[in-house]
C-alpha atoms as a PDB file:
ATOM      1  CA  MET A   1     -16.139 -84.249 -14.767  1.00  0.00           C
ATOM      2  CA  ASP A   2     -15.432 -81.415 -12.376  1.00  0.00           C
ATOM      3  CA  LEU A   3     -16.431 -78.160 -14.034  1.00  0.00           C
ATOM      4  CA  ARG A   4     -14.706 -75.992 -11.442  1.00  0.00           C
ATOM      5  CA  ILE A   5     -11.294 -77.479 -12.174  1.00  0.00           C
ATOM      6  CA  THR A   6     -11.824 -77.057 -15.917  1.00  0.00           C
ATOM      7  CA  ILE A   7     -12.908 -73.431 -15.612  1.00  0.00           C
ATOM      8  CA  TYR A   8     -10.099 -72.600 -13.190  1.00  0.00           C
ATOM      9  CA  CYS A   9      -7.431 -74.138 -15.428  1.00  0.00           C
ATOM     10  CA  ALA A  10      -8.838 -72.614 -18.614  1.00  0.00           C
ATOM     11  CA  LEU A  11      -9.129 -69.105 -17.208  1.00  0.00           C
ATOM     12  CA  SER A  12      -5.721 -69.301 -15.524  1.00  0.00           C
ATOM     13  CA  PHE A  13      -3.960 -70.272 -18.741  1.00  0.00           C
ATOM     14  CA  ALA A  14      -5.921 -67.697 -20.764  1.00  0.00           C
ATOM     15  CA  VAL A  15      -5.022 -64.906 -18.338  1.00  0.00           C
ATOM     16  CA  ILE A  16      -1.355 -65.891 -18.192  1.00  0.00           C
ATOM     17  CA  PHE A  17      -1.019 -66.201 -21.961  1.00  0.00           C
ATOM     18  CA  GLY A  18      -3.065 -63.037 -22.533  1.00  0.00           C
ATOM     19  CA  LEU A  19      -1.031 -61.095 -19.986  1.00  0.00           C
ATOM     20  CA  PHE A  20       2.210 -61.818 -21.827  1.00  0.00           C
ATOM     21  CA  SER A  21       0.606 -60.775 -25.101  1.00  0.00           C
ATOM     22  CA  PHE A  22      -0.832 -57.652 -23.482  1.00  0.00           C
ATOM     23  CA  VAL A  23       2.527 -56.593 -22.010  1.00  0.00           C
ATOM     24  CA  PHE A  24       4.733 -57.323 -25.007  1.00  0.00           C
ATOM     25  CA  TYR A  25       2.288 -56.500 -27.836  1.00  0.00           C
ATOM     26  CA  PHE A  26       0.086 -53.781 -26.341  1.00  0.00           C
ATOM     27  CA  GLY A  27      -2.569 -52.573 -28.755  1.00  0.00           C
ATOM     28  CA  ASP A  28      -2.617 -55.673 -30.939  1.00  0.00           C
ATOM     29  CA  TRP A  29      -6.058 -56.843 -29.812  1.00  0.00           C
ATOM     30  CA  TYR A  30      -6.346 -59.454 -32.540  1.00  0.00           C
ATOM     31  CA  ARG A  31      -3.206 -61.119 -31.226  1.00  0.00           C
ATOM     32  CA  LEU A  32      -4.484 -60.874 -27.648  1.00  0.00           C
ATOM     33  CA  GLY A  33      -7.672 -62.734 -28.589  1.00  0.00           C
ATOM     34  CA  PHE A  34      -5.745 -65.355 -30.503  1.00  0.00           C
ATOM     35  CA  VAL A  35      -3.294 -65.976 -27.656  1.00  0.00           C
ATOM     36  CA  ALA A  36      -6.064 -66.020 -25.034  1.00  0.00           C
ATOM     37  CA  ALA A  37      -7.956 -68.605 -27.115  1.00  0.00           C
ATOM     38  CA  PHE A  38      -4.844 -70.802 -27.128  1.00  0.00           C
ATOM     39  CA  GLY A  39      -4.569 -70.310 -23.388  1.00  0.00           C
ATOM     40  CA  LEU A  40      -8.139 -71.570 -23.024  1.00  0.00           C
ATOM     41  CA  PHE A  41      -7.265 -74.600 -25.137  1.00  0.00           C
ATOM     42  CA  PHE A  42      -4.183 -75.418 -23.065  1.00  0.00           C
ATOM     43  CA  GLY A  43      -6.110 -74.917 -19.836  1.00  0.00           C
ATOM     44  CA  ILE A  44      -8.988 -77.164 -20.835  1.00  0.00           C
ATOM     45  CA  CYS A  45      -6.602 -79.837 -22.072  1.00  0.00           C
ATOM     46  CA  SER A  46      -4.537 -79.706 -18.900  1.00  0.00           C
ATOM     47  CA  ALA A  47      -7.479 -80.076 -16.486  1.00  0.00           C
ATOM     48  CA  PRO A  48      -7.832 -83.876 -16.918  1.00  0.00           C
ATOM     49  CA  GLU A  49      -4.063 -84.250 -16.551  1.00  0.00           C
ATOM     50  CA  ILE A  50      -3.983 -82.257 -13.311  1.00  0.00           C
ATOM     51  CA  GLU A  51      -6.854 -84.144 -11.633  1.00  0.00           C
ATOM     52  CA  PRO A  52      -7.207 -87.460 -13.507  1.00  0.00           C
ATOM     53  CA  LYS A  53      -9.457 -89.048 -10.860  1.00  0.00           C
ATOM     54  CA  LYS A  54     -12.145 -86.398 -11.336  1.00  0.00           C
ATOM     55  CA  PHE A  55     -12.330 -86.932 -15.112  1.00  0.00           C
ATOM     56  CA  LYS A  56     -13.471 -90.402 -16.120  1.00  0.00           C
ATOM     57  CA  GLN A  57     -13.446 -89.547 -19.821  1.00  0.00           C
ATOM     58  CA  GLY A  58     -10.937 -86.722 -19.901  1.00  0.00           C
ATOM     59  CA  TRP A  59      -9.782 -87.701 -23.359  1.00  0.00           C
ATOM     60  CA  LEU A  60     -13.209 -86.713 -24.717  1.00  0.00           C
ATOM     61  CA  LEU A  61     -12.871 -83.241 -23.217  1.00  0.00           C
ATOM     62  CA  GLN A  62      -9.405 -82.919 -24.717  1.00  0.00           C
ATOM     63  CA  ILE A  63     -10.617 -83.928 -28.179  1.00  0.00           C
ATOM     64  CA  ALA A  64     -13.517 -81.471 -27.996  1.00  0.00           C
ATOM     65  CA  ALA A  65     -11.222 -78.662 -26.840  1.00  0.00           C
ATOM     66  CA  GLY A  66      -8.800 -79.422 -29.664  1.00  0.00           C
ATOM     67  CA  PHE A  67     -11.578 -79.503 -32.224  1.00  0.00           C
ATOM     68  CA  ILE A  68     -12.958 -76.150 -31.074  1.00  0.00           C
ATOM     69  CA  ALA A  69      -9.471 -74.616 -30.947  1.00  0.00           C
ATOM     70  CA  GLY A  70      -8.835 -75.839 -34.488  1.00  0.00           C
ATOM     71  CA  LEU A  71     -12.079 -74.283 -35.645  1.00  0.00           C
ATOM     72  CA  LEU A  72     -11.079 -70.994 -34.003  1.00  0.00           C
ATOM     73  CA  VAL A  73      -7.717 -71.050 -35.782  1.00  0.00           C
ATOM     74  CA  GLY A  74      -9.496 -71.501 -39.085  1.00  0.00           C
ATOM     75  CA  VAL A  75     -11.881 -68.646 -38.327  1.00  0.00           C
ATOM     76  CA  PHE A  76      -9.069 -66.334 -37.144  1.00  0.00           C
ATOM     77  CA  PHE A  77      -7.243 -66.879 -40.436  1.00  0.00           C
ATOM     78  CA  ASN A  78     -10.437 -66.416 -42.533  1.00  0.00           C
ATOM     79  CA  LEU A  79     -10.156 -69.797 -44.232  1.00  0.00           C
ATOM     80  CA  GLU A  80     -12.795 -71.485 -46.360  1.00  0.00           C
ATOM     81  CA  ILE A  81     -15.351 -73.700 -44.616  1.00  0.00           C
ATOM     82  CA  GLY A  82     -13.687 -76.941 -45.707  1.00  0.00           C
ATOM     83  CA  LEU A  83     -10.323 -75.802 -44.392  1.00  0.00           C
ATOM     84  CA  ILE A  84     -11.908 -74.633 -41.134  1.00  0.00           C
ATOM     85  CA  PHE A  85     -13.347 -78.115 -40.663  1.00  0.00           C
ATOM     86  CA  SER A  86      -9.959 -79.657 -41.498  1.00  0.00           C
ATOM     87  CA  CYS A  87      -8.318 -77.437 -38.880  1.00  0.00           C
ATOM     88  CA  GLY A  88     -10.923 -78.687 -36.411  1.00  0.00           C
ATOM     89  CA  ILE A  89     -10.081 -82.321 -37.162  1.00  0.00           C
ATOM     90  CA  ILE A  90      -6.354 -81.658 -36.815  1.00  0.00           C
ATOM     91  CA  GLY A  91      -7.053 -79.800 -33.565  1.00  0.00           C
ATOM     92  CA  GLY A  92      -9.022 -82.774 -32.264  1.00  0.00           C
ATOM     93  CA  PHE A  93      -6.085 -85.023 -33.055  1.00  0.00           C
ATOM     94  CA  VAL A  94      -3.734 -82.649 -31.208  1.00  0.00           C
ATOM     95  CA  GLY A  95      -6.188 -82.632 -28.299  1.00  0.00           C
ATOM     96  CA  ARG A  96      -6.164 -86.426 -28.177  1.00  0.00           C
ATOM     97  CA  LEU A  97      -2.365 -86.397 -27.977  1.00  0.00           C
ATOM     98  CA  THR A  98      -2.444 -84.049 -24.965  1.00  0.00           C
ATOM     99  CA  PRO A  99      -0.894 -86.531 -22.486  1.00  0.00           C
ATOM    100  CA  MET A 100       2.235 -86.595 -24.654  1.00  0.00           C
ATOM    101  CA  TRP A 101       2.855 -82.836 -24.918  1.00  0.00           C
ATOM    102  CA  ILE A 102       1.120 -81.104 -21.986  1.00  0.00           C
ATOM    103  CA  ARG A 103       4.056 -81.580 -19.609  1.00  0.00           C
ATOM    104  CA  TYR A 104       6.168 -79.319 -21.866  1.00  0.00           C
ATOM    105  CA  VAL A 105       3.780 -76.362 -21.727  1.00  0.00           C
END
């Protein structure tokens, strides 16, 4: 796994997503954090798709990123602990399906 590619992709997506939120919804810092977190998720999931030869088990990174993003969604919406964990599982499933949807982002 190449950490530089992952960090570059994650920060690039987070900055791009956050910049749009910052310009169009200035002052809504909660929304900025939420959108930047999704940008991180998309960036981490896209790294194995951009350089597949550098990631031998890229699917594992995508599942972990999806799980963490799902947990963050549950925390952002102040859900109960069981629902937060369920959001994490759903996020992991979405992360595993990254090769199917990442080309549309």
